[in-house]
Amino acid sequence: MQRINPQEDIRALSDFRANVSSYLDQVTTTKRSLVITQHGKGVAVLADVGEYEAMQARLEMLEEIYKAESQISEGRGISHEDAKAIVMKGIAR
């Protein structure tokens, strides 16, 4: 996901309402999210669907990594040789 450009990607709700179509085009074209503010504070983020899905996939992967690290630190991991044997057995089927 592209980093937000503060000069182009932060808009007041009133400005967003008046120019919805152009901001949708902007998000789709640039692949950068648009931060919508109300009373000077960020209240919502508009993101390209593909970029959002990619971000969700990365978050799911990170959650799996954190879970695995936690399991290993708790002593619930298995040796490399045991893991390899399990994978090879699955491939042989």
PDB file of N, CA and C in Angstrom:
ATOM      1  N   MET A   1       0.844  -1.170   0.000  1.00  0.00           N
ATOM      2  CA  MET A   1       0.000   0.000   0.000  1.00  0.00           C
ATOM      3  C   MET A   1       0.893   1.239   0.000  1.00  0.00           C
ATOM      4  N   GLN A   2       0.564   2.171  -0.843  1.00  0.00           N
ATOM      5  CA  GLN A   2       1.311   3.417  -0.952  1.00  0.00           C
ATOM      6  C   GLN A   2       1.127   4.280   0.297  1.00  0.00           C
ATOM      7  N   ARG A   3       2.149   5.040   0.649  1.00  0.00           N
ATOM      8  CA  ARG A   3       2.031   5.968   1.769  1.00  0.00           C
ATOM      9  C   ARG A   3       1.112   7.125   1.382  1.00  0.00           C
ATOM     10  N   ILE A   4       0.427   7.644   2.379  1.00  0.00           N
ATOM     11  CA  ILE A   4      -0.477   8.771   2.165  1.00  0.00           C
ATOM     12  C   ILE A   4       0.336  10.034   1.913  1.00  0.00           C
ATOM     13  N   ASN A   5      -0.094  10.808   0.931  1.00  0.00           N
ATOM     14  CA  ASN A   5       0.505  12.114   0.648  1.00  0.00           C
ATOM     15  C   ASN A   5      -0.374  13.150   1.356  1.00  0.00           C
ATOM     16  N   PRO A   6       0.106  13.769   2.438  1.00  0.00           N
ATOM     17  CA  PRO A   6      -0.742  14.675   3.221  1.00  0.00           C
ATOM     18  C   PRO A   6      -1.382  15.805   2.414  1.00  0.00           C
ATOM     19  N   GLN A   7      -0.711  16.291   1.386  1.00  0.00           N
ATOM     20  CA  GLN A   7      -1.278  17.390   0.600  1.00  0.00           C
ATOM     21  C   GLN A   7      -2.411  16.937  -0.322  1.00  0.00           C
ATOM     22  N   GLU A   8      -2.417  15.668  -0.698  1.00  0.00           N
ATOM     23  CA  GLU A   8      -3.418  15.179  -1.643  1.00  0.00           C
ATOM     24  C   GLU A   8      -4.415  14.193  -1.044  1.00  0.00           C
ATOM     25  N   ASP A   9      -4.060  13.562   0.067  1.00  0.00           N
ATOM     26  CA  ASP A   9      -4.841  12.420   0.541  1.00  0.00           C
ATOM     27  C   ASP A   9      -5.546  12.633   1.885  1.00  0.00           C
ATOM     28  N   ILE A  10      -5.624  13.858   2.335  1.00  0.00           N
ATOM     29  CA  ILE A  10      -6.381  14.170   3.550  1.00  0.00           C
ATOM     30  C   ILE A  10      -7.394  15.248   3.169  1.00  0.00           C
ATOM     31  N   ARG A  11      -8.674  14.918   3.333  1.00  0.00           N
ATOM     32  CA  ARG A  11      -9.738  15.821   2.900  1.00  0.00           C
ATOM     33  C   ARG A  11     -10.825  15.950   3.962  1.00  0.00           C
ATOM     34  N   ALA A  12     -11.366  17.144   4.052  1.00  0.00           N
ATOM     35  CA  ALA A  12     -12.490  17.394   4.952  1.00  0.00           C
ATOM     36  C   ALA A  12     -13.735  16.684   4.412  1.00  0.00           C
ATOM     37  N   LEU A  13     -14.592  16.273   5.310  1.00  0.00           N
ATOM     38  CA  LEU A  13     -15.818  15.579   4.922  1.00  0.00           C
ATOM     39  C   LEU A  13     -16.638  16.408   3.942  1.00  0.00           C
ATOM     40  N   SER A  14     -16.746  17.702   4.176  1.00  0.00           N
ATOM     41  CA  SER A  14     -17.540  18.557   3.271  1.00  0.00           C
ATOM     42  C   SER A  14     -16.945  18.567   1.864  1.00  0.00           C
ATOM     43  N   ASP A  15     -15.614  18.625   1.765  1.00  0.00           N
ATOM     44  CA  ASP A  15     -14.940  18.583   0.461  1.00  0.00           C
ATOM     45  C   ASP A  15     -15.137  17.215  -0.185  1.00  0.00           C
ATOM     46  N   PHE A  16     -15.041  16.151   0.617  1.00  0.00           N
ATOM     47  CA  PHE A  16     -15.240  14.805   0.099  1.00  0.00           C
ATOM     48  C   PHE A  16     -16.649  14.641  -0.461  1.00  0.00           C
ATOM     49  N   ARG A  17     -17.654  15.098   0.288  1.00  0.00           N
ATOM     50  CA  ARG A  17     -19.053  14.996  -0.156  1.00  0.00           C
ATOM     51  C   ARG A  17     -19.264  15.685  -1.507  1.00  0.00           C
ATOM     52  N   ALA A  18     -18.635  16.838  -1.680  1.00  0.00           N
ATOM     53  CA  ALA A  18     -18.810  17.616  -2.908  1.00  0.00           C
ATOM     54  C   ALA A  18     -18.077  17.005  -4.103  1.00  0.00           C
ATOM     55  N   ASN A  19     -17.088  16.153  -3.821  1.00  0.00           N
ATOM     56  CA  ASN A  19     -16.248  15.629  -4.913  1.00  0.00           C
ATOM     57  C   ASN A  19     -16.042  14.120  -4.825  1.00  0.00           C
ATOM     58  N   VAL A  20     -17.058  13.396  -4.393  1.00  0.00           N
ATOM     59  CA  VAL A  20     -16.938  11.953  -4.174  1.00  0.00           C
ATOM     60  C   VAL A  20     -16.357  11.236  -5.392  1.00  0.00           C
ATOM     61  N   SER A  21     -16.902  11.470  -6.543  1.00  0.00           N
ATOM     62  CA  SER A  21     -16.481  10.761  -7.747  1.00  0.00           C
ATOM     63  C   SER A  21     -15.001  10.975  -8.046  1.00  0.00           C
ATOM     64  N   SER A  22     -14.533  12.201  -7.950  1.00  0.00           N
ATOM     65  CA  SER A  22     -13.121  12.466  -8.255  1.00  0.00           C
ATOM     66  C   SER A  22     -12.205  11.822  -7.218  1.00  0.00           C
ATOM     67  N   TYR A  23     -12.635  11.762  -5.964  1.00  0.00           N
ATOM     68  CA  TYR A  23     -11.810  11.120  -4.939  1.00  0.00           C
ATOM     69  C   TYR A  23     -11.804   9.602  -5.090  1.00  0.00           C
ATOM     70  N   LEU A  24     -12.909   9.030  -5.533  1.00  0.00           N
ATOM     71  CA  LEU A  24     -12.915   7.603  -5.844  1.00  0.00           C
ATOM     72  C   LEU A  24     -11.932   7.305  -6.975  1.00  0.00           C
ATOM     73  N   ASP A  25     -11.945   8.151  -7.997  1.00  0.00           N
ATOM     74  CA  ASP A  25     -10.991   7.990  -9.104  1.00  0.00           C
ATOM     75  C   ASP A  25      -9.556   8.112  -8.605  1.00  0.00           C
ATOM     76  N   GLN A  26      -9.316   9.076  -7.728  1.00  0.00           N
ATOM     77  CA  GLN A  26      -7.973   9.294  -7.184  1.00  0.00           C
ATOM     78  C   GLN A  26      -7.473   8.063  -6.432  1.00  0.00           C
ATOM     79  N   VAL A  27      -8.308   7.503  -5.571  1.00  0.00           N
ATOM     80  CA  VAL A  27      -7.921   6.328  -4.791  1.00  0.00           C
ATOM     81  C   VAL A  27      -7.657   5.142  -5.706  1.00  0.00           C
ATOM     82  N   THR A  28      -8.500   4.971  -6.714  1.00  0.00           N
ATOM     83  CA  THR A  28      -8.337   3.867  -7.653  1.00  0.00           C
ATOM     84  C   THR A  28      -7.067   4.025  -8.485  1.00  0.00           C
ATOM     85  N   THR A  29      -6.774   5.218  -8.903  1.00  0.00           N
ATOM     86  CA  THR A  29      -5.612   5.487  -9.755  1.00  0.00           C
ATOM     87  C   THR A  29      -4.298   5.435  -8.986  1.00  0.00           C
ATOM     88  N   THR A  30      -4.250   6.119  -7.833  1.00  0.00           N
ATOM     89  CA  THR A  30      -2.993   6.228  -7.092  1.00  0.00           C
ATOM     90  C   THR A  30      -2.720   5.037  -6.184  1.00  0.00           C
ATOM     91  N   LYS A  31      -3.771   4.277  -5.851  1.00  0.00           N
ATOM     92  CA  LYS A  31      -3.683   3.166  -4.899  1.00  0.00           C
ATOM     93  C   LYS A  31      -3.327   3.647  -3.490  1.00  0.00           C
ATOM     94  N   ARG A  32      -3.459   4.961  -3.250  1.00  0.00           N
ATOM     95  CA  ARG A  32      -3.238   5.521  -1.920  1.00  0.00           C
ATOM     96  C   ARG A  32      -4.592   5.735  -1.260  1.00  0.00           C
ATOM     97  N   SER A  33      -4.647   5.483   0.042  1.00  0.00           N
ATOM     98  CA  SER A  33      -5.882   5.705   0.785  1.00  0.00           C
ATOM     99  C   SER A  33      -6.145   7.194   0.939  1.00  0.00           C
ATOM    100  N   LEU A  34      -7.396   7.522   1.195  1.00  0.00           N
ATOM    101  CA  LEU A  34      -7.811   8.909   1.414  1.00  0.00           C
ATOM    102  C   LEU A  34      -8.341   9.011   2.841  1.00  0.00           C
ATOM    103  N   VAL A  35      -7.772   9.920   3.626  1.00  0.00           N
ATOM    104  CA  VAL A  35      -8.221  10.143   4.996  1.00  0.00           C
ATOM    105  C   VAL A  35      -9.268  11.253   4.961  1.00  0.00           C
ATOM    106  N   ILE A  36     -10.417  10.967   5.549  1.00  0.00           N
ATOM    107  CA  ILE A  36     -11.508  11.941   5.596  1.00  0.00           C
ATOM    108  C   ILE A  36     -11.570  12.484   7.018  1.00  0.00           C
ATOM    109  N   THR A  37     -11.582  13.810   7.123  1.00  0.00           N
ATOM    110  CA  THR A  37     -11.597  14.439   8.440  1.00  0.00           C
ATOM    111  C   THR A  37     -12.929  15.121   8.700  1.00  0.00           C
ATOM    112  N   GLN A  38     -13.245  15.270   9.974  1.00  0.00           N
ATOM    113  CA  GLN A  38     -14.424  16.009  10.399  1.00  0.00           C
ATOM    114  C   GLN A  38     -13.998  16.825  11.615  1.00  0.00           C
ATOM    115  N   HIS A  39     -14.204  18.121  11.545  1.00  0.00           N
ATOM    116  CA  HIS A  39     -13.770  19.031  12.601  1.00  0.00           C
ATOM    117  C   HIS A  39     -12.270  18.898  12.869  1.00  0.00           C
ATOM    118  N   GLY A  40     -11.505  18.680  11.792  1.00  0.00           N
ATOM    119  CA  GLY A  40     -10.053  18.625  11.895  1.00  0.00           C
ATOM    120  C   GLY A  40      -9.475  17.306  12.378  1.00  0.00           C
ATOM    121  N   LYS A  41     -10.307  16.311  12.601  1.00  0.00           N
ATOM    122  CA  LYS A  41      -9.825  15.018  13.079  1.00  0.00           C
ATOM    123  C   LYS A  41     -10.174  13.919  12.087  1.00  0.00           C
ATOM    124  N   GLY A  42      -9.258  12.970  11.888  1.00  0.00           N
ATOM    125  CA  GLY A  42      -9.512  11.852  10.993  1.00  0.00           C
ATOM    126  C   GLY A  42     -10.653  10.993  11.510  1.00  0.00           C
ATOM    127  N   VAL A  43     -11.646  10.715  10.651  1.00  0.00           N
ATOM    128  CA  VAL A  43     -12.799   9.904  11.057  1.00  0.00           C
ATOM    129  C   VAL A  43     -12.998   8.670  10.180  1.00  0.00           C
ATOM    130  N   ALA A  44     -12.408   8.655   8.999  1.00  0.00           N
ATOM    131  CA  ALA A  44     -12.601   7.522   8.096  1.00  0.00           C
ATOM    132  C   ALA A  44     -11.451   7.457   7.095  1.00  0.00           C
ATOM    133  N   VAL A  45     -11.291   6.268   6.516  1.00  0.00           N
ATOM    134  CA  VAL A  45     -10.285   6.061   5.483  1.00  0.00           C
ATOM    135  C   VAL A  45     -10.948   5.367   4.309  1.00  0.00           C
ATOM    136  N   LEU A  46     -10.755   5.904   3.124  1.00  0.00           N
ATOM    137  CA  LEU A  46     -11.261   5.306   1.895  1.00  0.00           C
ATOM    138  C   LEU A  46     -10.073   4.640   1.205  1.00  0.00           C
ATOM    139  N   ALA A  47     -10.198   3.341   0.923  1.00  0.00           N
ATOM    140  CA  ALA A  47      -9.086   2.600   0.326  1.00  0.00           C
ATOM    141  C   ALA A  47      -9.540   1.875  -0.933  1.00  0.00           C
ATOM    142  N   ASP A  48      -8.616   1.685  -1.849  1.00  0.00           N
ATOM    143  CA  ASP A  48      -8.837   0.878  -3.041  1.00  0.00           C
ATOM    144  C   ASP A  48      -9.088  -0.569  -2.594  1.00  0.00           C
ATOM    145  N   VAL A  49     -10.057  -1.230  -3.193  1.00  0.00           N
ATOM    146  CA  VAL A  49     -10.434  -2.581  -2.780  1.00  0.00           C
ATOM    147  C   VAL A  49      -9.246  -3.551  -2.882  1.00  0.00           C
ATOM    148  N   GLY A  50      -8.528  -3.514  -3.969  1.00  0.00           N
ATOM    149  CA  GLY A  50      -7.382  -4.416  -4.136  1.00  0.00           C
ATOM    150  C   GLY A  50      -6.310  -4.168  -3.088  1.00  0.00           C
ATOM    151  N   GLU A  51      -6.040  -2.915  -2.797  1.00  0.00           N
ATOM    152  CA  GLU A  51      -5.060  -2.563  -1.779  1.00  0.00           C
ATOM    153  C   GLU A  51      -5.531  -3.008  -0.402  1.00  0.00           C
ATOM    154  N   TYR A  52      -6.820  -2.855  -0.139  1.00  0.00           N
ATOM    155  CA  TYR A  52      -7.388  -3.274   1.141  1.00  0.00           C
ATOM    156  C   TYR A  52      -7.263  -4.790   1.310  1.00  0.00           C
ATOM    157  N   GLU A  53      -7.599  -5.533   0.258  1.00  0.00           N
ATOM    158  CA  GLU A  53      -7.498  -6.997   0.321  1.00  0.00           C
ATOM    159  C   GLU A  53      -6.057  -7.439   0.545  1.00  0.00           C
ATOM    160  N   ALA A  54      -5.109  -6.783  -0.113  1.00  0.00           N
ATOM    161  CA  ALA A  54      -3.697  -7.111   0.065  1.00  0.00           C
ATOM    162  C   ALA A  54      -3.259  -6.817   1.496  1.00  0.00           C
ATOM    163  N   MET A  55      -3.733  -5.714   2.048  1.00  0.00           N
ATOM    164  CA  MET A  55      -3.402  -5.351   3.421  1.00  0.00           C
ATOM    165  C   MET A  55      -3.966  -6.389   4.396  1.00  0.00           C
ATOM    166  N   GLN A  56      -5.192  -6.836   4.157  1.00  0.00           N
ATOM    167  CA  GLN A  56      -5.807  -7.854   5.014  1.00  0.00           C
ATOM    168  C   GLN A  56      -5.011  -9.151   4.955  1.00  0.00           C
ATOM    169  N   ALA A  57      -4.554  -9.534   3.764  1.00  0.00           N
ATOM    170  CA  ALA A  57      -3.768 -10.762   3.616  1.00  0.00           C
ATOM    171  C   ALA A  57      -2.451 -10.651   4.379  1.00  0.00           C
ATOM    172  N   ARG A  58      -1.800  -9.477   4.306  1.00  0.00           N
ATOM    173  CA  ARG A  58      -0.553  -9.273   5.049  1.00  0.00           C
ATOM    174  C   ARG A  58      -0.798  -9.340   6.553  1.00  0.00           C
ATOM    175  N   LEU A  59      -1.890  -8.751   7.010  1.00  0.00           N
ATOM    176  CA  LEU A  59      -2.211  -8.797   8.438  1.00  0.00           C
ATOM    177  C   LEU A  59      -2.470 -10.224   8.910  1.00  0.00           C
ATOM    178  N   GLU A  60      -3.188 -10.999   8.100  1.00  0.00           N
ATOM    179  CA  GLU A  60      -3.438 -12.399   8.458  1.00  0.00           C
ATOM    180  C   GLU A  60      -2.132 -13.174   8.554  1.00  0.00           C
ATOM    181  N   MET A  61      -1.207 -12.920   7.631  1.00  0.00           N
ATOM    182  CA  MET A  61       0.094 -13.592   7.660  1.00  0.00           C
ATOM    183  C   MET A  61       0.865 -13.200   8.911  1.00  0.00           C
ATOM    184  N   LEU A  62       0.861 -11.923   9.258  1.00  0.00           N
ATOM    185  CA  LEU A  62       1.545 -11.474  10.467  1.00  0.00           C
ATOM    186  C   LEU A  62       0.945 -12.117  11.711  1.00  0.00           C
ATOM    187  N   GLU A  63      -0.378 -12.231  11.760  1.00  0.00           N
ATOM    188  CA  GLU A  63      -1.024 -12.871  12.899  1.00  0.00           C
ATOM    189  C   GLU A  63      -0.582 -14.328  13.021  1.00  0.00           C
ATOM    190  N   GLU A  64      -0.461 -15.016  11.895  1.00  0.00           N
ATOM    191  CA  GLU A  64       0.002 -16.404  11.919  1.00  0.00           C
ATOM    192  C   GLU A  64       1.449 -16.485  12.399  1.00  0.00           C
ATOM    193  N   ILE A  65       2.273 -15.551  11.984  1.00  0.00           N
ATOM    194  CA  ILE A  65       3.678 -15.533  12.421  1.00  0.00           C
ATOM    195  C   ILE A  65       3.753 -15.291  13.926  1.00  0.00           C
ATOM    196  N   TYR A  66       2.990 -14.311  14.430  1.00  0.00           N
ATOM    197  CA  TYR A  66       2.983 -14.037  15.873  1.00  0.00           C
ATOM    198  C   TYR A  66       2.485 -15.248  16.664  1.00  0.00           C
ATOM    199  N   LYS A  67       1.475 -15.909  16.137  1.00  0.00           N
ATOM    200  CA  LYS A  67       0.935 -17.100  16.796  1.00  0.00           C
ATOM    201  C   LYS A  67       1.999 -18.199  16.847  1.00  0.00           C
ATOM    202  N   ALA A  68       2.687 -18.404  15.734  1.00  0.00           N
ATOM    203  CA  ALA A  68       3.731 -19.429  15.676  1.00  0.00           C
ATOM    204  C   ALA A  68       4.870 -19.095  16.634  1.00  0.00           C
ATOM    205  N   GLU A  69       5.293 -17.827  16.680  1.00  0.00           N
ATOM    206  CA  GLU A  69       6.362 -17.429  17.595  1.00  0.00           C
ATOM    207  C   GLU A  69       5.947 -17.678  19.038  1.00  0.00           C
ATOM    208  N   SER A  70       4.694 -17.391  19.354  1.00  0.00           N
ATOM    209  CA  SER A  70       4.180 -17.617  20.699  1.00  0.00           C
ATOM    210  C   SER A  70       4.185 -19.104  21.040  1.00  0.00           C
ATOM    211  N   GLN A  71       3.748 -19.923  20.104  1.00  0.00           N
ATOM    212  CA  GLN A  71       3.725 -21.365  20.323  1.00  0.00           C
ATOM    213  C   GLN A  71       5.134 -21.915  20.517  1.00  0.00           C
ATOM    214  N   ILE A  72       6.071 -21.424  19.744  1.00  0.00           N
ATOM    215  CA  ILE A  72       7.461 -21.875  19.869  1.00  0.00           C
ATOM    216  C   ILE A  72       8.023 -21.478  21.231  1.00  0.00           C
ATOM    217  N   SER A  73       7.756 -20.229  21.654  1.00  0.00           N
ATOM    218  CA  SER A  73       8.275 -19.781  22.955  1.00  0.00           C
ATOM    219  C   SER A  73       7.645 -20.551  24.116  1.00  0.00           C
ATOM    220  N   GLU A  74       6.456 -21.115  23.895  1.00  0.00           N
ATOM    221  CA  GLU A  74       5.793 -21.925  24.918  1.00  0.00           C
ATOM    222  C   GLU A  74       6.235 -23.393  24.849  1.00  0.00           C
ATOM    223  N   GLY A  75       7.136 -23.693  23.920  1.00  0.00           N
ATOM    224  CA  GLY A  75       7.638 -25.058  23.800  1.00  0.00           C
ATOM    225  C   GLY A  75       6.728 -25.973  23.009  1.00  0.00           C
ATOM    226  N   ARG A  76       5.809 -25.408  22.241  1.00  0.00           N
ATOM    227  CA  ARG A  76       4.876 -26.241  21.485  1.00  0.00           C
ATOM    228  C   ARG A  76       5.297 -26.422  20.032  1.00  0.00           C
ATOM    229  N   GLY A  77       6.533 -26.111  19.717  1.00  0.00           N
ATOM    230  CA  GLY A  77       7.011 -26.282  18.351  1.00  0.00           C
ATOM    231  C   GLY A  77       7.478 -27.713  18.115  1.00  0.00           C
ATOM    232  N   ILE A  78       7.802 -28.023  16.860  1.00  0.00           N
ATOM    233  CA  ILE A  78       8.358 -29.338  16.531  1.00  0.00           C
ATOM    234  C   ILE A  78       9.689 -29.132  15.828  1.00  0.00           C
ATOM    235  N   SER A  79      10.497 -30.142  15.820  1.00  0.00           N
ATOM    236  CA  SER A  79      11.820 -30.034  15.201  1.00  0.00           C
ATOM    237  C   SER A  79      11.687 -29.902  13.682  1.00  0.00           C
ATOM    238  N   HIS A  80      12.751 -29.425  13.080  1.00  0.00           N
ATOM    239  CA  HIS A  80      12.796 -29.285  11.627  1.00  0.00           C
ATOM    240  C   HIS A  80      12.596 -30.643  10.952  1.00  0.00           C
ATOM    241  N   GLU A  81      13.250 -31.664  11.478  1.00  0.00           N
ATOM    242  CA  GLU A  81      13.148 -32.998  10.885  1.00  0.00           C
ATOM    243  C   GLU A  81      11.718 -33.531  10.967  1.00  0.00           C
ATOM    244  N   ASP A  82      11.040 -33.312  12.097  1.00  0.00           N
ATOM    245  CA  ASP A  82       9.652 -33.766  12.223  1.00  0.00           C
ATOM    246  C   ASP A  82       8.741 -33.009  11.249  1.00  0.00           C
ATOM    247  N   ALA A  83       8.949 -31.699  11.137  1.00  0.00           N
ATOM    248  CA  ALA A  83       8.144 -30.896  10.213  1.00  0.00           C
ATOM    249  C   ALA A  83       8.365 -31.349   8.777  1.00  0.00           C
ATOM    250  N   LYS A  84       9.634 -31.616   8.442  1.00  0.00           N
ATOM    251  CA  LYS A  84       9.968 -32.082   7.087  1.00  0.00           C
ATOM    252  C   LYS A  84       9.295 -33.416   6.802  1.00  0.00           C
ATOM    253  N   ALA A  85       9.292 -34.303   7.760  1.00  0.00           N
ATOM    254  CA  ALA A  85       8.667 -35.622   7.580  1.00  0.00           C
ATOM    255  C   ALA A  85       7.168 -35.485   7.350  1.00  0.00           C
ATOM    256  N   ILE A  86       6.532 -34.589   8.089  1.00  0.00           N
ATOM    257  CA  ILE A  86       5.089 -34.362   7.913  1.00  0.00           C
ATOM    258  C   ILE A  86       4.791 -33.834   6.517  1.00  0.00           C
ATOM    259  N   VAL A  87       5.601 -32.871   6.067  1.00  0.00           N
ATOM    260  CA  VAL A  87       5.387 -32.292   4.732  1.00  0.00           C
ATOM    261  C   VAL A  87       5.621 -33.344   3.655  1.00  0.00           C
ATOM    262  N   MET A  88       6.694 -34.088   3.785  1.00  0.00           N
ATOM    263  CA  MET A  88       7.006 -35.112   2.778  1.00  0.00           C
ATOM    264  C   MET A  88       5.933 -36.188   2.727  1.00  0.00           C
ATOM    265  N   LYS A  89       5.381 -36.539   3.864  1.00  0.00           N
ATOM    266  CA  LYS A  89       4.307 -37.523   3.903  1.00  0.00           C
ATOM    267  C   LYS A  89       3.068 -36.998   3.175  1.00  0.00           C
ATOM    268  N   GLY A  90       2.788 -35.697   3.351  1.00  0.00           N
ATOM    269  CA  GLY A  90       1.655 -35.085   2.661  1.00  0.00           C
ATOM    270  C   GLY A  90       1.855 -35.016   1.158  1.00  0.00           C
ATOM    271  N   ILE A  91       3.085 -34.802   0.732  1.00  0.00           N
ATOM    272  CA  ILE A  91       3.393 -34.722  -0.704  1.00  0.00           C
ATOM    273  C   ILE A  91       3.288 -36.106  -1.349  1.00  0.00           C
ATOM    274  N   ALA A  92       3.675 -37.127  -0.616  1.00  0.00           N
ATOM    275  CA  ALA A  92       3.699 -38.486  -1.156  1.00  0.00           C
ATOM    276  C   ALA A  92       2.300 -39.029  -1.437  1.00  0.00           C
ATOM    277  N   ARG A  93       1.296 -38.444  -0.862  1.00  0.00           N
ATOM    278  CA  ARG A  93      -0.071 -38.951  -1.051  1.00  0.00           C
ATOM    279  C   ARG A  93      -0.534 -38.812  -2.444  1.00  0.00           C
TER     280      ARG A  93
END
